[in-house]
N, C-alpha and C. Protein backbone atom coordinates (compact mmCIF):
# COMPACT_ATOMS: atom_id res chain seq x y z
N MET A 1 14.90 0.72 -7.15
CA MET A 1 15.91 -0.14 -7.70
C MET A 1 15.28 -1.49 -8.05
N GLY A 2 15.50 -1.96 -9.27
CA GLY A 2 14.89 -3.19 -9.74
C GLY A 2 15.72 -4.42 -9.40
N ILE A 3 15.14 -5.54 -9.75
CA ILE A 3 15.81 -6.82 -9.56
C ILE A 3 16.70 -7.09 -10.77
N SER A 4 17.90 -7.52 -10.54
CA SER A 4 18.82 -7.81 -11.64
C SER A 4 18.52 -9.20 -12.21
N PRO A 5 18.91 -9.43 -13.48
CA PRO A 5 18.75 -10.78 -14.04
C PRO A 5 19.47 -11.85 -13.22
N ALA A 6 20.60 -11.52 -12.64
CA ALA A 6 21.33 -12.48 -11.81
C ALA A 6 20.53 -12.85 -10.56
N GLU A 7 19.86 -11.86 -9.96
CA GLU A 7 19.04 -12.14 -8.78
C GLU A 7 17.85 -13.02 -9.16
N ASP A 8 17.21 -12.71 -10.29
CA ASP A 8 16.09 -13.54 -10.76
C ASP A 8 16.56 -14.97 -10.98
N GLU A 9 17.72 -15.15 -11.58
CA GLU A 9 18.25 -16.50 -11.82
C GLU A 9 18.54 -17.22 -10.51
N ALA A 10 19.09 -16.52 -9.55
CA ALA A 10 19.40 -17.14 -8.26
C ALA A 10 18.13 -17.61 -7.56
N TRP A 11 17.10 -16.78 -7.55
CA TRP A 11 15.84 -17.18 -6.93
C TRP A 11 15.19 -18.32 -7.71
N MET A 12 15.30 -18.30 -9.04
CA MET A 12 14.71 -19.38 -9.83
C MET A 12 15.45 -20.69 -9.58
N ARG A 13 16.74 -20.62 -9.33
CA ARG A 13 17.49 -21.85 -9.00
C ARG A 13 16.96 -22.46 -7.69
N TYR A 14 16.58 -21.63 -6.77
CA TYR A 14 15.97 -22.09 -5.52
C TYR A 14 14.66 -22.82 -5.85
N ALA A 15 13.82 -22.20 -6.64
CA ALA A 15 12.54 -22.82 -7.04
C ALA A 15 12.80 -24.12 -7.81
N PHE A 16 13.84 -24.13 -8.63
CA PHE A 16 14.18 -25.32 -9.41
C PHE A 16 14.53 -26.49 -8.50
N ARG A 17 15.26 -26.24 -7.44
CA ARG A 17 15.59 -27.31 -6.48
C ARG A 17 14.32 -27.88 -5.85
N LEU A 18 13.35 -27.03 -5.60
CA LEU A 18 12.07 -27.50 -5.06
C LEU A 18 11.32 -28.34 -6.10
N ALA A 19 11.42 -27.94 -7.37
CA ALA A 19 10.79 -28.72 -8.45
C ALA A 19 11.42 -30.11 -8.52
N GLN A 20 12.73 -30.18 -8.35
CA GLN A 20 13.40 -31.48 -8.34
C GLN A 20 12.88 -32.34 -7.19
N ARG A 21 12.63 -31.73 -6.05
CA ARG A 21 12.09 -32.45 -4.90
C ARG A 21 10.71 -33.02 -5.24
N ALA A 22 9.89 -32.23 -5.91
CA ALA A 22 8.57 -32.72 -6.32
C ALA A 22 8.72 -33.95 -7.22
N GLY A 23 9.61 -33.86 -8.19
CA GLY A 23 9.84 -34.98 -9.10
C GLY A 23 10.29 -36.23 -8.37
N GLU A 24 11.15 -36.07 -7.39
CA GLU A 24 11.63 -37.20 -6.60
C GLU A 24 10.49 -37.87 -5.84
N GLN A 25 9.44 -37.11 -5.54
CA GLN A 25 8.28 -37.63 -4.81
C GLN A 25 7.21 -38.16 -5.76
N GLY A 26 7.51 -38.17 -7.07
CA GLY A 26 6.56 -38.66 -8.06
C GLY A 26 5.53 -37.64 -8.49
N GLU A 27 5.73 -36.40 -8.10
CA GLU A 27 4.84 -35.31 -8.48
C GLU A 27 5.41 -34.62 -9.72
N VAL A 28 4.56 -33.95 -10.48
CA VAL A 28 5.05 -33.16 -11.61
C VAL A 28 6.03 -32.14 -11.04
N PRO A 29 7.24 -32.07 -11.60
CA PRO A 29 8.29 -31.24 -10.99
C PRO A 29 8.13 -29.74 -11.24
N VAL A 30 7.39 -29.12 -10.34
CA VAL A 30 7.21 -27.67 -10.35
C VAL A 30 7.49 -27.17 -8.94
N GLY A 31 8.27 -26.10 -8.85
CA GLY A 31 8.60 -25.50 -7.57
C GLY A 31 8.30 -24.01 -7.59
N ALA A 32 8.02 -23.44 -6.42
CA ALA A 32 7.69 -22.01 -6.33
C ALA A 32 8.17 -21.44 -5.00
N ILE A 33 8.54 -20.17 -5.04
CA ILE A 33 8.88 -19.45 -3.81
C ILE A 33 8.27 -18.06 -3.86
N VAL A 34 8.01 -17.51 -2.69
CA VAL A 34 7.55 -16.13 -2.57
C VAL A 34 8.67 -15.35 -1.90
N VAL A 35 9.08 -14.26 -2.56
CA VAL A 35 10.18 -13.43 -2.08
C VAL A 35 9.63 -12.04 -1.76
N LYS A 36 9.96 -11.55 -0.58
CA LYS A 36 9.58 -10.20 -0.18
C LYS A 36 10.75 -9.59 0.57
N ASP A 37 11.06 -8.35 0.25
CA ASP A 37 12.18 -7.64 0.87
C ASP A 37 13.49 -8.46 0.76
N ASN A 38 13.67 -9.04 -0.41
CA ASN A 38 14.88 -9.79 -0.75
C ASN A 38 15.13 -11.00 0.13
N ARG A 39 14.05 -11.60 0.64
CA ARG A 39 14.20 -12.86 1.36
C ARG A 39 13.03 -13.77 1.03
N CYS A 40 13.31 -15.05 1.00
CA CYS A 40 12.27 -16.04 0.72
C CYS A 40 11.42 -16.19 1.97
N ILE A 41 10.12 -15.89 1.83
CA ILE A 41 9.24 -16.02 2.99
C ILE A 41 8.40 -17.30 2.93
N ALA A 42 8.36 -17.95 1.75
CA ALA A 42 7.59 -19.19 1.64
C ALA A 42 8.04 -19.97 0.42
N GLU A 43 7.86 -21.27 0.49
CA GLU A 43 8.22 -22.13 -0.62
C GLU A 43 7.17 -23.22 -0.78
N GLY A 44 7.14 -23.80 -1.96
CA GLY A 44 6.22 -24.90 -2.20
C GLY A 44 6.62 -25.66 -3.45
N TRP A 45 6.14 -26.87 -3.54
CA TRP A 45 6.32 -27.68 -4.74
C TRP A 45 5.04 -28.47 -4.93
N ASN A 46 4.85 -28.99 -6.12
CA ASN A 46 3.63 -29.72 -6.43
C ASN A 46 3.45 -30.90 -5.48
N VAL A 47 2.25 -31.00 -4.88
CA VAL A 47 1.91 -32.14 -4.03
C VAL A 47 0.46 -32.59 -4.17
N PRO A 48 -0.19 -32.37 -5.32
CA PRO A 48 -1.59 -32.79 -5.42
C PRO A 48 -1.80 -34.30 -5.32
N ILE A 49 -0.84 -35.09 -5.78
CA ILE A 49 -0.99 -36.55 -5.74
C ILE A 49 -0.85 -37.04 -4.31
N THR A 50 0.22 -36.63 -3.63
CA THR A 50 0.46 -37.13 -2.28
C THR A 50 -0.53 -36.59 -1.26
N THR A 51 -1.08 -35.40 -1.50
CA THR A 51 -2.04 -34.82 -0.55
C THR A 51 -3.50 -35.05 -0.94
N HIS A 52 -3.70 -35.66 -2.12
CA HIS A 52 -5.06 -35.87 -2.63
C HIS A 52 -5.82 -34.55 -2.72
N ASP A 53 -5.11 -33.52 -3.16
CA ASP A 53 -5.66 -32.17 -3.22
C ASP A 53 -5.38 -31.57 -4.60
N PRO A 54 -6.41 -31.43 -5.44
CA PRO A 54 -6.19 -30.89 -6.78
C PRO A 54 -5.71 -29.45 -6.80
N THR A 55 -5.81 -28.75 -5.69
CA THR A 55 -5.35 -27.36 -5.65
C THR A 55 -3.92 -27.23 -5.14
N ALA A 56 -3.25 -28.32 -4.85
CA ALA A 56 -1.92 -28.28 -4.23
C ALA A 56 -0.81 -28.11 -5.26
N HIS A 57 -0.98 -27.14 -6.16
CA HIS A 57 0.08 -26.78 -7.09
C HIS A 57 1.15 -26.01 -6.30
N ALA A 58 2.36 -26.00 -6.84
CA ALA A 58 3.48 -25.35 -6.15
C ALA A 58 3.14 -23.91 -5.77
N GLU A 59 2.53 -23.17 -6.70
CA GLU A 59 2.20 -21.77 -6.45
C GLU A 59 1.22 -21.63 -5.30
N MET A 60 0.20 -22.48 -5.29
CA MET A 60 -0.83 -22.41 -4.25
C MET A 60 -0.24 -22.73 -2.88
N VAL A 61 0.62 -23.73 -2.83
CA VAL A 61 1.27 -24.10 -1.57
C VAL A 61 2.11 -22.92 -1.05
N ALA A 62 2.90 -22.32 -1.94
CA ALA A 62 3.74 -21.19 -1.54
C ALA A 62 2.91 -19.98 -1.13
N LEU A 63 1.84 -19.68 -1.87
CA LEU A 63 0.98 -18.54 -1.53
C LEU A 63 0.32 -18.74 -0.17
N ARG A 64 -0.17 -19.94 0.10
CA ARG A 64 -0.80 -20.21 1.40
C ARG A 64 0.19 -20.00 2.54
N LYS A 65 1.40 -20.53 2.37
CA LYS A 65 2.41 -20.37 3.41
C LYS A 65 2.79 -18.89 3.60
N ALA A 66 2.93 -18.17 2.50
CA ALA A 66 3.29 -16.74 2.58
C ALA A 66 2.21 -15.96 3.32
N GLY A 67 0.96 -16.26 3.05
CA GLY A 67 -0.13 -15.59 3.76
C GLY A 67 -0.05 -15.80 5.25
N ARG A 68 0.27 -17.04 5.65
CA ARG A 68 0.41 -17.33 7.09
C ARG A 68 1.61 -16.60 7.69
N VAL A 69 2.71 -16.55 6.95
CA VAL A 69 3.92 -15.87 7.45
C VAL A 69 3.63 -14.38 7.67
N LEU A 70 2.98 -13.76 6.69
CA LEU A 70 2.70 -12.32 6.77
C LEU A 70 1.43 -12.01 7.57
N GLU A 71 0.69 -13.05 7.90
CA GLU A 71 -0.61 -12.90 8.57
C GLU A 71 -1.51 -11.96 7.78
N ASN A 72 -1.51 -12.19 6.46
CA ASN A 72 -2.31 -11.34 5.56
C ASN A 72 -2.51 -12.11 4.26
N TYR A 73 -3.71 -12.05 3.73
CA TYR A 73 -3.97 -12.73 2.46
C TYR A 73 -3.50 -11.88 1.28
N ARG A 74 -3.15 -10.65 1.52
CA ARG A 74 -2.59 -9.79 0.48
C ARG A 74 -1.06 -9.87 0.57
N LEU A 75 -0.46 -10.21 -0.54
CA LEU A 75 1.00 -10.36 -0.59
C LEU A 75 1.61 -9.25 -1.44
N CYS A 76 1.19 -8.04 -1.14
CA CYS A 76 1.66 -6.87 -1.87
C CYS A 76 3.18 -6.76 -1.77
N ASP A 77 3.79 -6.27 -2.83
CA ASP A 77 5.23 -6.07 -2.90
C ASP A 77 6.03 -7.37 -2.83
N ALA A 78 5.38 -8.50 -3.11
CA ALA A 78 6.08 -9.79 -3.14
C ALA A 78 6.24 -10.25 -4.58
N THR A 79 7.25 -11.06 -4.80
CA THR A 79 7.50 -11.68 -6.10
C THR A 79 7.33 -13.18 -5.95
N LEU A 80 6.63 -13.78 -6.90
CA LEU A 80 6.48 -15.22 -6.95
C LEU A 80 7.35 -15.76 -8.06
N TYR A 81 8.23 -16.69 -7.72
CA TYR A 81 9.07 -17.38 -8.70
C TYR A 81 8.52 -18.79 -8.84
N VAL A 82 8.28 -19.23 -10.06
CA VAL A 82 7.76 -20.57 -10.30
C VAL A 82 8.40 -21.14 -11.56
N THR A 83 8.69 -22.41 -11.55
CA THR A 83 9.44 -23.02 -12.64
C THR A 83 8.61 -23.26 -13.90
N LEU A 84 7.29 -23.19 -13.80
CA LEU A 84 6.41 -23.39 -14.95
C LEU A 84 5.36 -22.28 -14.98
N GLU A 85 5.04 -21.80 -16.16
CA GLU A 85 4.00 -20.78 -16.31
C GLU A 85 2.72 -21.23 -15.59
N PRO A 86 2.17 -20.40 -14.71
CA PRO A 86 0.99 -20.79 -13.94
C PRO A 86 -0.25 -21.07 -14.79
N CYS A 87 -1.10 -21.94 -14.24
CA CYS A 87 -2.38 -22.29 -14.85
C CYS A 87 -3.45 -21.27 -14.46
N VAL A 88 -4.66 -21.48 -14.92
CA VAL A 88 -5.78 -20.58 -14.63
C VAL A 88 -6.03 -20.46 -13.12
N MET A 89 -6.08 -21.60 -12.44
CA MET A 89 -6.34 -21.59 -11.00
C MET A 89 -5.29 -20.76 -10.27
N CYS A 90 -4.03 -21.01 -10.59
CA CYS A 90 -2.95 -20.32 -9.90
C CYS A 90 -2.92 -18.83 -10.24
N MET A 91 -3.20 -18.50 -11.49
CA MET A 91 -3.24 -17.07 -11.85
C MET A 91 -4.35 -16.35 -11.11
N GLY A 92 -5.48 -17.00 -10.91
CA GLY A 92 -6.55 -16.39 -10.12
C GLY A 92 -6.08 -16.10 -8.70
N ALA A 93 -5.41 -17.07 -8.09
CA ALA A 93 -4.90 -16.89 -6.73
C ALA A 93 -3.81 -15.82 -6.67
N ILE A 94 -2.95 -15.80 -7.67
CA ILE A 94 -1.88 -14.80 -7.74
C ILE A 94 -2.47 -13.40 -7.81
N SER A 95 -3.51 -13.25 -8.60
CA SER A 95 -4.18 -11.96 -8.72
C SER A 95 -4.87 -11.57 -7.41
N HIS A 96 -5.60 -12.49 -6.81
CA HIS A 96 -6.29 -12.19 -5.54
C HIS A 96 -5.30 -11.86 -4.43
N ALA A 97 -4.13 -12.49 -4.47
CA ALA A 97 -3.11 -12.23 -3.45
C ALA A 97 -2.39 -10.90 -3.67
N ARG A 98 -2.61 -10.31 -4.83
CA ARG A 98 -1.98 -9.03 -5.20
C ARG A 98 -0.46 -9.15 -5.30
N ILE A 99 -0.01 -10.29 -5.80
CA ILE A 99 1.43 -10.46 -6.06
C ILE A 99 1.86 -9.34 -7.00
N LYS A 100 2.94 -8.69 -6.67
CA LYS A 100 3.41 -7.56 -7.48
C LYS A 100 4.09 -8.03 -8.76
N ARG A 101 4.87 -9.10 -8.62
CA ARG A 101 5.68 -9.54 -9.76
C ARG A 101 5.71 -11.06 -9.80
N LEU A 102 5.62 -11.59 -11.01
CA LEU A 102 5.66 -13.03 -11.25
C LEU A 102 6.81 -13.32 -12.19
N VAL A 103 7.63 -14.29 -11.84
CA VAL A 103 8.74 -14.72 -12.68
C VAL A 103 8.59 -16.23 -12.86
N PHE A 104 8.55 -16.68 -14.13
CA PHE A 104 8.44 -18.12 -14.36
C PHE A 104 9.53 -18.59 -15.30
N GLY A 105 9.76 -19.90 -15.25
CA GLY A 105 10.79 -20.52 -16.07
C GLY A 105 10.25 -20.98 -17.41
N ALA A 106 9.69 -22.17 -17.44
CA ALA A 106 9.21 -22.77 -18.68
C ALA A 106 7.83 -22.25 -19.06
N PRO A 107 7.63 -21.92 -20.33
CA PRO A 107 6.27 -21.57 -20.77
C PRO A 107 5.42 -22.83 -20.86
N ASP A 108 4.12 -22.68 -20.78
CA ASP A 108 3.19 -23.81 -20.93
C ASP A 108 2.21 -23.48 -22.04
N PRO A 109 2.55 -23.84 -23.28
CA PRO A 109 1.72 -23.47 -24.43
C PRO A 109 0.28 -24.00 -24.36
N LYS A 110 0.06 -25.13 -23.70
CA LYS A 110 -1.28 -25.73 -23.65
C LYS A 110 -2.14 -25.22 -22.51
N ARG A 111 -1.54 -24.94 -21.36
CA ARG A 111 -2.32 -24.57 -20.18
C ARG A 111 -1.87 -23.29 -19.51
N GLY A 112 -0.82 -22.66 -19.99
CA GLY A 112 -0.29 -21.46 -19.36
C GLY A 112 -1.28 -20.31 -19.42
N ALA A 113 -1.50 -19.68 -18.28
CA ALA A 113 -2.52 -18.62 -18.20
C ALA A 113 -1.92 -17.23 -18.02
N VAL A 114 -0.61 -17.10 -18.21
CA VAL A 114 0.03 -15.79 -18.14
C VAL A 114 0.04 -15.16 -19.52
N CYS A 115 0.53 -15.94 -20.51
CA CYS A 115 0.72 -15.36 -21.84
C CYS A 115 0.59 -16.38 -22.98
N ASN A 116 0.23 -17.61 -22.68
CA ASN A 116 0.15 -18.62 -23.73
C ASN A 116 -1.30 -19.00 -24.03
N ALA A 117 -1.84 -20.04 -23.39
CA ALA A 117 -3.22 -20.46 -23.66
C ALA A 117 -4.19 -19.32 -23.32
N LEU A 118 -3.88 -18.61 -22.26
CA LEU A 118 -4.65 -17.43 -21.83
C LEU A 118 -3.67 -16.34 -21.44
N SER A 119 -4.16 -15.10 -21.40
CA SER A 119 -3.33 -13.96 -20.96
C SER A 119 -4.01 -13.27 -19.79
N LEU A 120 -4.06 -13.96 -18.66
CA LEU A 120 -4.73 -13.40 -17.49
C LEU A 120 -3.91 -12.32 -16.79
N SER A 121 -2.66 -12.20 -17.15
CA SER A 121 -1.83 -11.18 -16.50
C SER A 121 -2.31 -9.78 -16.81
N ASP A 122 -3.04 -9.62 -17.91
CA ASP A 122 -3.57 -8.29 -18.25
C ASP A 122 -5.05 -8.34 -18.61
N ALA A 123 -5.77 -9.31 -18.06
CA ALA A 123 -7.21 -9.44 -18.34
C ALA A 123 -7.96 -8.23 -17.79
N SER A 124 -8.82 -7.68 -18.61
CA SER A 124 -9.55 -6.46 -18.22
C SER A 124 -10.53 -6.70 -17.07
N PHE A 125 -10.98 -7.92 -16.87
CA PHE A 125 -11.94 -8.20 -15.81
C PHE A 125 -11.29 -8.38 -14.43
N LEU A 126 -9.97 -8.44 -14.39
CA LEU A 126 -9.28 -8.53 -13.11
C LEU A 126 -8.87 -7.12 -12.67
N ASN A 127 -8.98 -6.83 -11.38
CA ASN A 127 -8.67 -5.49 -10.91
C ASN A 127 -7.24 -5.34 -10.42
N HIS A 128 -6.41 -6.31 -10.74
CA HIS A 128 -4.99 -6.24 -10.35
C HIS A 128 -4.14 -6.68 -11.53
N ARG A 129 -3.17 -5.89 -11.88
CA ARG A 129 -2.24 -6.22 -12.96
C ARG A 129 -0.95 -6.77 -12.35
N ILE A 130 -0.47 -7.82 -12.94
CA ILE A 130 0.73 -8.48 -12.44
C ILE A 130 1.87 -8.25 -13.43
N ASN A 131 2.94 -7.66 -12.97
CA ASN A 131 4.14 -7.56 -13.79
C ASN A 131 4.75 -8.95 -13.86
N TRP A 132 5.15 -9.38 -15.04
CA TRP A 132 5.69 -10.72 -15.16
C TRP A 132 6.88 -10.77 -16.09
N LEU A 133 7.66 -11.81 -15.88
CA LEU A 133 8.82 -12.10 -16.71
C LEU A 133 8.87 -13.60 -16.89
N GLY A 134 8.90 -14.07 -18.12
CA GLY A 134 8.98 -15.50 -18.39
C GLY A 134 10.32 -15.87 -18.98
N GLY A 135 10.64 -17.15 -18.93
CA GLY A 135 11.83 -17.66 -19.58
C GLY A 135 13.10 -17.64 -18.74
N VAL A 136 13.00 -17.38 -17.45
CA VAL A 136 14.18 -17.40 -16.59
C VAL A 136 14.54 -18.86 -16.32
N LEU A 137 15.73 -19.26 -16.74
CA LEU A 137 16.19 -20.65 -16.68
C LEU A 137 15.24 -21.57 -17.47
N GLU A 138 14.70 -21.05 -18.55
CA GLU A 138 13.72 -21.79 -19.34
C GLU A 138 14.21 -23.17 -19.77
N MET A 139 15.43 -23.25 -20.25
CA MET A 139 15.96 -24.53 -20.74
C MET A 139 15.99 -25.58 -19.62
N GLU A 140 16.52 -25.21 -18.47
CA GLU A 140 16.61 -26.15 -17.36
C GLU A 140 15.23 -26.58 -16.87
N CYS A 141 14.33 -25.61 -16.73
CA CYS A 141 12.98 -25.91 -16.24
C CYS A 141 12.22 -26.79 -17.23
N SER A 142 12.34 -26.48 -18.52
CA SER A 142 11.67 -27.27 -19.56
C SER A 142 12.23 -28.69 -19.60
N GLU A 143 13.54 -28.81 -19.51
CA GLU A 143 14.18 -30.13 -19.57
C GLU A 143 13.76 -31.01 -18.39
N LEU A 144 13.65 -30.42 -17.21
CA LEU A 144 13.22 -31.17 -16.04
C LEU A 144 11.84 -31.77 -16.26
N LEU A 145 10.93 -30.97 -16.81
CA LEU A 145 9.57 -31.44 -17.09
C LEU A 145 9.57 -32.51 -18.19
N ARG A 146 10.31 -32.27 -19.27
CA ARG A 146 10.39 -33.24 -20.37
C ARG A 146 10.92 -34.58 -19.88
N ASP A 147 11.99 -34.54 -19.10
CA ASP A 147 12.58 -35.78 -18.59
C ASP A 147 11.61 -36.53 -17.68
N PHE A 148 10.88 -35.80 -16.86
CA PHE A 148 9.91 -36.42 -15.96
C PHE A 148 8.83 -37.16 -16.76
N PHE A 149 8.25 -36.47 -17.75
CA PHE A 149 7.17 -37.10 -18.53
C PHE A 149 7.70 -38.19 -19.45
N ARG A 150 8.90 -38.05 -19.95
CA ARG A 150 9.50 -39.09 -20.79
C ARG A 150 9.68 -40.38 -19.96
N ALA A 151 10.10 -40.25 -18.74
CA ALA A 151 10.30 -41.42 -17.87
C ALA A 151 8.97 -42.09 -17.52
N ARG A 152 7.89 -41.33 -17.53
CA ARG A 152 6.57 -41.86 -17.20
C ARG A 152 5.95 -42.66 -18.34
N ARG A 153 6.39 -42.38 -19.57
CA ARG A 153 5.77 -43.01 -20.74
C ARG A 153 6.36 -44.36 -21.02
């Protein structure tokens, strides 16, 4: 039995609230959660500025926490929800973690590594294929990012 569009939207709304938290902290507003067996096992939001860590993207934070929760670096049968299409670094980690499914909100035409700037979701040199769905709550996720950067300029 698959995930319904309503379930994807509900989980993305959770990730969206985390993205808002990142924005409130002065970070680029991106949020992520890892869902397994229909429950959120880990969450994260962008914190590279506050932690002085260039790898502290929302996806990386959530993946690290999920690994600790499951006591395994393989996150098989888990879904990662993230409000922005992942970058190259995050797609590498998603692949190594063996995430089964990726759902993202806003596309990233300049840096997105799922299907825009790069298509790592089906790269022949990776030994894991990630099922993905983009555009869930795309308008809300895109607007949050636009508003954040507009306020910075």
